[in-house]
């Protein structure tokens, strides 16, 4: 990438936007930590040295009989029997920094759950005795992966639909527009409520349902860019020379249209995360017990006299959405054609 290329100039303008640039760095760190949640918060050891062999409980199933027990059930690595077997074999175990998973219940709480922050649970516990920090980290991973995946799928479908509408125009554009108006008028929340009573929602199921409606948001941007670009002289010249419409779209029009799509992408991610949070809060999202930001917000609503739950849910959701918004502002300024 040469120093004078458009991509290089845009990157320099984005770096000059300090708020957007540092928001991107902080968001990348938060996302990386959430992706590593299995290695940071887990009730299983990362590595076990036992009888001269290395075992990896995060990826493999080990019954109690593997450590001298009598039951063919998964080993309770937090129980005294496992510790005794490890001592007798002169082995060792490498644990994550926080020895809880999202469903782990702390049975040694000093008072009834929910309990305030302590050395054992740095953000306290919820009303079931589960570690709030662990559930927050796993919930961030779920929300961020869902938001990024939904925004990517919606953008890809929206770019295709907007390109077809804007390039061909005429009755094709009119048919697409009328169909989108009908599709957009369907009550998504009511549809989800009805289907949730018939089918247990899963991550993939929710992603597919939301993608069926989310693809329409980028269409207007791409359609407008194509309607404008198809009137340019270089597009008309390509048509006269007999260039196939596919190559005209991909090589000549789409690169210019991507400017608005990339600027809009962070806001689409933010909207996707907020939608999943709202669905989980209302009880129409991920299966009960799944760690998510919406479930944490529901815990705060249920336990009004446990302020650490409300503060954790509010600041975590606000931080993520604000960071994504600032990144979007930075991209918008970087791709602004009025900027030299």
Protein backbone atom coordinates (compact mmCIF):
# COMPACT_ATOMS: atom_id res chain seq x y z
CA UNK A 1 0.00 0.00 0.00
CA UNK A 2 1.70 3.17 -1.22
CA UNK A 3 1.83 6.28 0.90
CA UNK A 4 -0.43 8.13 -1.52
CA UNK A 5 -3.07 5.41 -1.97
CA UNK A 6 -6.67 6.21 -0.96
CA UNK A 7 -6.60 3.51 1.73
CA UNK A 8 -3.46 5.01 3.26
CA UNK A 9 -4.93 8.50 3.30
CA UNK A 10 -8.13 7.24 4.90
CA UNK A 11 -6.18 5.36 7.57
CA UNK A 12 -4.24 8.54 8.37
CA UNK A 13 -7.46 10.50 8.68
CA UNK A 14 -8.91 7.79 10.93
CA UNK A 15 -5.82 7.86 13.17
CA UNK A 16 -6.12 11.64 13.36
CA UNK A 17 -9.62 11.12 14.77
CA UNK A 18 -8.31 10.37 18.27
CA UNK A 19 -11.65 9.42 19.76
CA UNK A 20 -12.39 6.89 17.04
CA UNK A 21 -8.84 5.52 16.94
CA UNK A 22 -8.52 4.88 20.67
CA UNK A 23 -12.06 3.51 20.77
CA UNK A 24 -11.01 0.97 18.13
CA UNK A 25 -8.01 -0.08 20.20
CA UNK A 26 -10.05 -0.41 23.39
CA UNK A 27 -12.81 -2.29 21.55
CA UNK A 28 -10.23 -4.68 20.07
CA UNK A 29 -8.88 -5.43 23.57
CA UNK A 30 -12.36 -6.02 24.98
CA UNK A 31 -13.24 -8.29 22.06
CA UNK A 32 -9.97 -10.22 22.41
CA UNK A 33 -10.53 -10.75 26.15
CA UNK A 34 -14.08 -11.93 25.52
CA UNK A 35 -12.90 -14.42 22.89
CA UNK A 36 -10.41 -15.77 25.46
CA UNK A 37 -13.08 -16.12 28.16
CA UNK A 38 -12.73 -19.92 28.23
CA UNK A 39 -9.07 -19.49 29.18
CA UNK A 40 -9.68 -16.67 31.67
CA UNK A 41 -12.79 -17.92 33.48
CA UNK A 42 -13.43 -21.63 33.81
CA UNK A 43 -13.99 -24.29 36.45
CA UNK A 44 -11.81 -26.71 34.48
CA UNK A 45 -8.00 -26.64 34.52
CA UNK A 46 -6.25 -25.56 31.36
CA UNK A 47 -3.66 -28.34 31.63
CA UNK A 48 -3.36 -31.32 33.98
CA UNK A 49 -0.22 -33.37 34.54
CA UNK A 50 -1.37 -36.78 35.81
CA UNK A 51 0.53 -40.08 35.85
CA UNK A 52 3.11 -38.79 33.42
CA UNK A 53 0.59 -37.55 30.86
CA UNK A 54 -0.76 -34.13 29.97
CA UNK A 55 -4.55 -33.80 29.90
CA UNK A 56 -6.59 -30.91 28.48
CA UNK A 57 -10.06 -30.75 30.06
CA UNK A 58 -11.16 -27.77 27.98
CA UNK A 59 -11.17 -29.90 24.84
CA UNK A 60 -11.61 -33.43 26.16
CA UNK A 61 -14.05 -35.28 28.40
CA UNK A 62 -12.50 -37.09 31.35
CA UNK A 63 -14.72 -39.21 33.63
CA UNK A 64 -14.06 -39.66 37.32
CA UNK A 65 -12.69 -43.16 36.62
CA UNK A 66 -9.75 -41.51 34.81
CA UNK A 67 -8.63 -40.12 38.18
CA UNK A 68 -9.37 -43.19 40.29
CA UNK A 69 -13.06 -42.52 40.91
CA UNK A 70 -15.95 -44.97 40.66
CA UNK A 71 -18.50 -43.10 38.54
CA UNK A 72 -18.46 -42.75 34.77
CA UNK A 73 -19.49 -39.08 35.04
CA UNK A 74 -17.51 -35.97 34.15
CA UNK A 75 -14.93 -35.14 36.76
CA UNK A 76 -15.73 -32.42 39.27
CA UNK A 77 -12.40 -30.62 39.08
CA UNK A 78 -13.34 -28.32 41.96
CA UNK A 79 -14.14 -31.22 44.30
CA UNK A 80 -11.83 -32.63 46.98
CA UNK A 81 -11.64 -36.07 45.31
CA UNK A 82 -9.87 -34.64 42.27
CA UNK A 83 -7.40 -32.73 44.44
CA UNK A 84 -6.66 -35.83 46.48
CA UNK A 85 -6.09 -37.94 43.35
CA UNK A 86 -3.78 -35.28 41.95
CA UNK A 87 -1.74 -35.17 45.16
CA UNK A 88 -1.41 -38.93 45.31
CA UNK A 89 -0.14 -39.06 41.73
CA UNK A 90 2.19 -36.08 42.40
CA UNK A 91 0.63 -34.25 39.51
CA UNK A 92 -0.33 -30.64 39.02
CA UNK A 93 -3.01 -28.54 37.33
CA UNK A 94 -2.79 -25.14 35.64
CA UNK A 95 -5.97 -23.19 36.40
CA UNK A 96 -7.46 -20.10 34.73
CA UNK A 97 -7.19 -16.84 36.70
CA UNK A 98 -10.88 -17.08 37.67
CA UNK A 99 -12.09 -20.56 38.58
CA UNK A 100 -15.74 -20.19 37.59
CA UNK A 101 -17.67 -20.83 34.41
CA UNK A 102 -20.95 -19.03 33.59
CA UNK A 103 -23.06 -21.69 35.31
CA UNK A 104 -20.79 -22.31 38.32
CA UNK A 105 -22.47 -21.66 41.66
CA UNK A 106 -20.32 -20.46 44.54
CA UNK A 107 -21.38 -22.61 47.49
CA UNK A 108 -19.12 -20.81 49.97
CA UNK A 109 -20.80 -17.41 49.97
CA UNK A 110 -20.67 -15.46 53.26
CA UNK A 111 -24.34 -14.44 52.87
CA UNK A 112 -27.35 -15.38 50.73
CA UNK A 113 -27.04 -14.58 47.03
CA UNK A 114 -26.77 -12.10 45.46
CA UNK A 115 -23.61 -11.03 47.26
CA UNK A 116 -21.62 -7.81 46.75
CA UNK A 117 -18.13 -7.68 45.19
CA UNK A 118 -15.41 -9.44 47.16
CA UNK A 119 -12.00 -11.03 46.66
CA UNK A 120 -13.73 -14.24 45.59
CA UNK A 121 -16.12 -12.56 43.14
CA UNK A 122 -14.74 -9.23 41.98
CA UNK A 123 -18.12 -8.04 40.63
CA UNK A 124 -20.22 -9.97 43.11
CA UNK A 125 -22.70 -12.77 42.39
CA UNK A 126 -26.22 -12.87 40.98
CA UNK A 127 -29.27 -14.29 42.72
CA UNK A 128 -28.19 -17.84 41.86
CA UNK A 129 -24.69 -17.47 43.27
CA UNK A 130 -22.98 -17.27 39.88
CA UNK A 131 -19.94 -15.05 39.35
CA UNK A 132 -21.02 -11.79 37.67
CA UNK A 133 -17.65 -11.02 36.08
CA UNK A 134 -17.54 -14.45 34.42
CA UNK A 135 -21.05 -14.09 33.08
CA UNK A 136 -20.25 -10.57 31.88
CA UNK A 137 -17.18 -11.75 29.95
CA UNK A 138 -19.03 -14.67 28.34
CA UNK A 139 -22.01 -12.42 27.65
CA UNK A 140 -19.79 -9.88 25.91
CA UNK A 141 -18.43 -12.62 23.68
CA UNK A 142 -21.92 -13.76 22.74
CA UNK A 143 -23.16 -10.23 22.07
CA UNK A 144 -20.11 -9.10 20.08
CA UNK A 145 -19.96 -12.22 17.92
CA UNK A 146 -23.70 -11.99 17.31
CA UNK A 147 -23.54 -8.27 16.48
CA UNK A 148 -20.58 -8.60 14.13
CA UNK A 149 -22.02 -11.69 12.42
CA UNK A 150 -25.46 -10.13 11.94
CA UNK A 151 -23.96 -6.87 10.65
CA UNK A 152 -21.74 -8.78 8.20
CA UNK A 153 -24.58 -10.95 6.87
CA UNK A 154 -26.96 -7.99 6.63
CA UNK A 155 -24.34 -5.91 4.81
CA UNK A 156 -23.59 -8.65 2.27
CA UNK A 157 -27.26 -9.25 1.45
CA UNK A 158 -28.01 -5.51 1.53
CA UNK A 159 -25.14 -4.71 -0.84
CA UNK A 160 -26.38 -7.31 -3.32
CA UNK A 161 -29.99 -6.11 -3.15
CA UNK A 162 -29.04 -2.43 -3.33
CA UNK A 163 -26.67 -3.05 -6.25
CA UNK A 164 -29.37 -4.84 -8.26
CA UNK A 165 -31.90 -2.11 -7.55
CA UNK A 166 -29.59 0.81 -8.25
CA UNK A 167 -27.88 -0.57 -11.35
CA UNK A 168 -30.90 -1.87 -13.27
CA UNK A 169 -33.52 0.56 -11.93
CA UNK A 170 -36.89 0.60 -13.65
CA UNK A 171 -39.42 -2.08 -12.82
CA UNK A 172 -36.78 -4.14 -10.98
CA UNK A 173 -36.15 -1.26 -8.60
CA UNK A 174 -39.88 -0.65 -8.22
CA UNK A 175 -40.61 -4.32 -7.48
CA UNK A 176 -37.80 -4.50 -4.90
CA UNK A 177 -38.97 -1.32 -3.18
CA UNK A 178 -42.61 -2.45 -2.89
CA UNK A 179 -41.51 -5.89 -1.63
CA UNK A 180 -39.25 -4.30 0.99
CA UNK A 181 -42.06 -2.06 2.19
CA UNK A 182 -44.28 -5.09 2.74
CA UNK A 183 -41.48 -7.08 4.40
CA UNK A 184 -40.52 -4.16 6.66
CA UNK A 185 -44.12 -3.87 7.82
CA UNK A 186 -44.10 -7.34 9.40
CA UNK A 187 -44.01 -7.15 13.23
CA UNK A 188 -40.66 -8.78 14.02
CA UNK A 189 -41.15 -8.81 17.79
CA UNK A 190 -44.55 -10.51 17.54
CA UNK A 191 -43.13 -13.07 15.11
CA UNK A 192 -40.30 -13.85 17.52
CA UNK A 193 -42.74 -14.14 20.43
CA UNK A 194 -44.90 -16.62 18.51
CA UNK A 195 -41.99 -18.69 17.25
CA UNK A 196 -40.30 -18.68 20.68
CA UNK A 197 -43.38 -20.39 22.11
CA UNK A 198 -43.01 -23.16 19.50
CA UNK A 199 -39.23 -23.44 19.10
CA UNK A 200 -36.44 -23.05 21.64
CA UNK A 201 -34.36 -20.14 20.25
CA UNK A 202 -30.65 -20.76 19.70
CA UNK A 203 -27.80 -18.50 18.65
CA UNK A 204 -27.98 -19.61 14.99
CA UNK A 205 -31.78 -19.48 14.95
CA UNK A 206 -31.85 -15.92 16.28
CA UNK A 207 -29.08 -14.88 13.90
CA UNK A 208 -31.04 -16.21 10.93
CA UNK A 209 -34.31 -14.60 12.03
CA UNK A 210 -32.69 -11.22 12.61
CA UNK A 211 -30.81 -11.43 9.30
CA UNK A 212 -34.14 -11.90 7.48
CA UNK A 213 -35.06 -8.36 8.51
CA UNK A 214 -31.70 -6.67 9.13
CA UNK A 215 -30.50 -6.80 5.52
CA UNK A 216 -32.82 -3.94 4.52
CA UNK A 217 -30.91 -1.27 6.44
CA UNK A 218 -27.86 -1.04 4.12
CA UNK A 219 -29.98 -1.31 0.96
CA UNK A 220 -30.93 2.37 0.83
CA UNK A 221 -27.29 3.50 1.01
CA UNK A 222 -26.05 1.14 -1.70
CA UNK A 223 -29.06 1.81 -3.93
CA UNK A 224 -28.51 5.57 -3.77
CA UNK A 225 -24.81 5.20 -4.63
CA UNK A 226 -25.59 2.97 -7.62
CA UNK A 227 -28.37 5.24 -8.91
CA UNK A 228 -25.91 8.14 -8.84
CA UNK A 229 -22.91 6.23 -10.21
CA UNK A 230 -24.69 4.65 -13.18
CA UNK A 231 -25.14 8.13 -14.66
CA UNK A 232 -21.39 8.74 -14.74
CA UNK A 233 -19.57 8.78 -18.06
CA UNK A 234 -17.22 5.89 -17.28
CA UNK A 235 -20.18 3.58 -16.54
CA UNK A 236 -21.97 4.56 -19.73
CA UNK A 237 -18.74 4.05 -21.69
CA UNK A 238 -18.32 0.57 -20.23
CA UNK A 239 -21.86 -0.31 -21.26
CA UNK A 240 -21.24 0.92 -24.82
CA UNK A 241 -18.07 -1.17 -25.01
CA UNK A 242 -20.10 -4.25 -24.08
CA UNK A 243 -18.63 -4.87 -20.64
CA UNK A 244 -20.71 -7.38 -18.72
CA UNK A 245 -22.90 -5.77 -15.98
CA UNK A 246 -21.26 -7.96 -13.34
CA UNK A 247 -17.83 -6.48 -14.02
CA UNK A 248 -19.19 -2.95 -14.23
CA UNK A 249 -20.75 -3.38 -10.80
CA UNK A 250 -17.77 -5.10 -9.17
CA UNK A 251 -14.92 -3.10 -10.68
CA UNK A 252 -16.34 0.37 -11.24
CA UNK A 253 -19.35 1.09 -9.02
CA UNK A 254 -19.07 -1.14 -5.94
CA UNK A 255 -15.70 0.24 -4.68
CA UNK A 256 -17.23 3.73 -4.51
CA UNK A 257 -20.43 2.46 -2.91
CA UNK A 258 -18.47 0.62 -0.20
CA UNK A 259 -17.50 3.96 1.34
CA UNK A 260 -20.97 4.54 2.72
CA UNK A 261 -21.38 0.88 3.73
CA UNK A 262 -18.14 0.82 5.72
CA UNK A 263 -19.08 4.06 7.45
CA UNK A 264 -22.47 2.62 8.38
CA UNK A 265 -21.17 -0.81 9.46
CA UNK A 266 -20.29 0.08 13.10
CA UNK A 267 -23.75 1.54 13.64
CA UNK A 268 -25.25 -1.67 12.26
CA UNK A 269 -23.16 -3.65 14.77
CA UNK A 270 -24.34 -1.40 17.58
CA UNK A 271 -27.97 -1.86 16.55
CA UNK A 272 -27.55 -5.65 16.37
CA UNK A 273 -26.07 -5.83 19.88
CA UNK A 274 -28.81 -3.61 21.28
CA UNK A 275 -31.48 -5.77 19.62
CA UNK A 276 -30.09 -9.01 21.09
CA UNK A 277 -29.81 -7.36 24.52
CA UNK A 278 -33.43 -6.24 24.34
CA UNK A 279 -34.64 -9.70 23.27
CA UNK A 280 -32.73 -11.38 26.10
CA UNK A 281 -34.08 -8.86 28.58
CA UNK A 282 -37.65 -9.54 27.45
CA UNK A 283 -37.12 -13.30 27.54
CA UNK A 284 -37.38 -13.93 23.79
CA UNK A 285 -33.67 -14.27 23.09
CA UNK A 286 -31.13 -16.94 23.90
CA UNK A 287 -32.09 -20.01 26.00
CA UNK A 288 -32.58 -19.38 29.75
CA UNK A 289 -29.33 -19.52 31.68
CA UNK A 290 -27.18 -18.37 28.75
CA UNK A 291 -24.76 -15.65 29.76
CA UNK A 292 -25.67 -12.45 27.93
CA UNK A 293 -25.89 -8.72 28.49
CA UNK A 294 -29.67 -8.86 28.38
CA UNK A 295 -29.78 -11.55 31.07
CA UNK A 296 -27.47 -9.47 33.24
CA UNK A 297 -29.79 -6.50 32.77
CA UNK A 298 -32.73 -8.68 33.77
CA UNK A 299 -30.83 -9.68 36.94
CA UNK A 300 -30.39 -6.00 37.76
CA UNK A 301 -34.12 -5.36 37.29
CA UNK A 302 -35.09 -8.34 39.48
CA UNK A 303 -32.63 -7.46 42.28
CA UNK A 304 -33.06 -3.73 42.77
CA UNK A 305 -31.35 -3.83 46.17
CA UNK A 306 -28.16 -5.24 44.64
CA UNK A 307 -26.74 -2.12 42.95
CA UNK A 308 -23.60 -3.86 41.69
CA UNK A 309 -25.75 -5.78 39.20
CA UNK A 310 -27.32 -2.63 37.80
CA UNK A 311 -24.02 -0.74 37.64
CA UNK A 312 -22.23 -3.63 35.94
CA UNK A 313 -24.93 -4.13 33.32
CA UNK A 314 -25.34 -0.41 32.62
CA UNK A 315 -21.67 0.48 32.27
CA UNK A 316 -20.78 -2.63 30.24
CA UNK A 317 -23.59 -2.08 27.72
CA UNK A 318 -22.97 1.67 27.59
CA UNK A 319 -19.21 1.21 27.11
CA UNK A 320 -19.59 -1.21 24.21
CA UNK A 321 -22.20 0.87 22.38
CA UNK A 322 -20.28 4.12 22.91
CA UNK A 323 -17.02 2.60 21.63
CA UNK A 324 -18.73 1.28 18.50
CA UNK A 325 -20.40 4.65 17.92
CA UNK A 326 -17.07 6.49 18.21
CA UNK A 327 -15.49 4.03 15.76
CA UNK A 328 -18.32 4.74 13.35
CA UNK A 329 -17.75 8.47 13.67
CA UNK A 330 -14.06 7.99 12.93
CA UNK A 331 -14.82 5.91 9.82
CA UNK A 332 -17.37 8.47 8.67
CA UNK A 333 -14.82 11.27 8.86
CA UNK A 334 -12.09 9.13 7.28
CA UNK A 335 -14.27 8.33 4.27
CA UNK A 336 -15.73 11.83 3.95
CA UNK A 337 -15.05 12.86 0.31
CA UNK A 338 -14.87 16.50 1.37
CA UNK A 339 -11.74 15.73 3.41
CA UNK A 340 -8.60 16.18 1.43
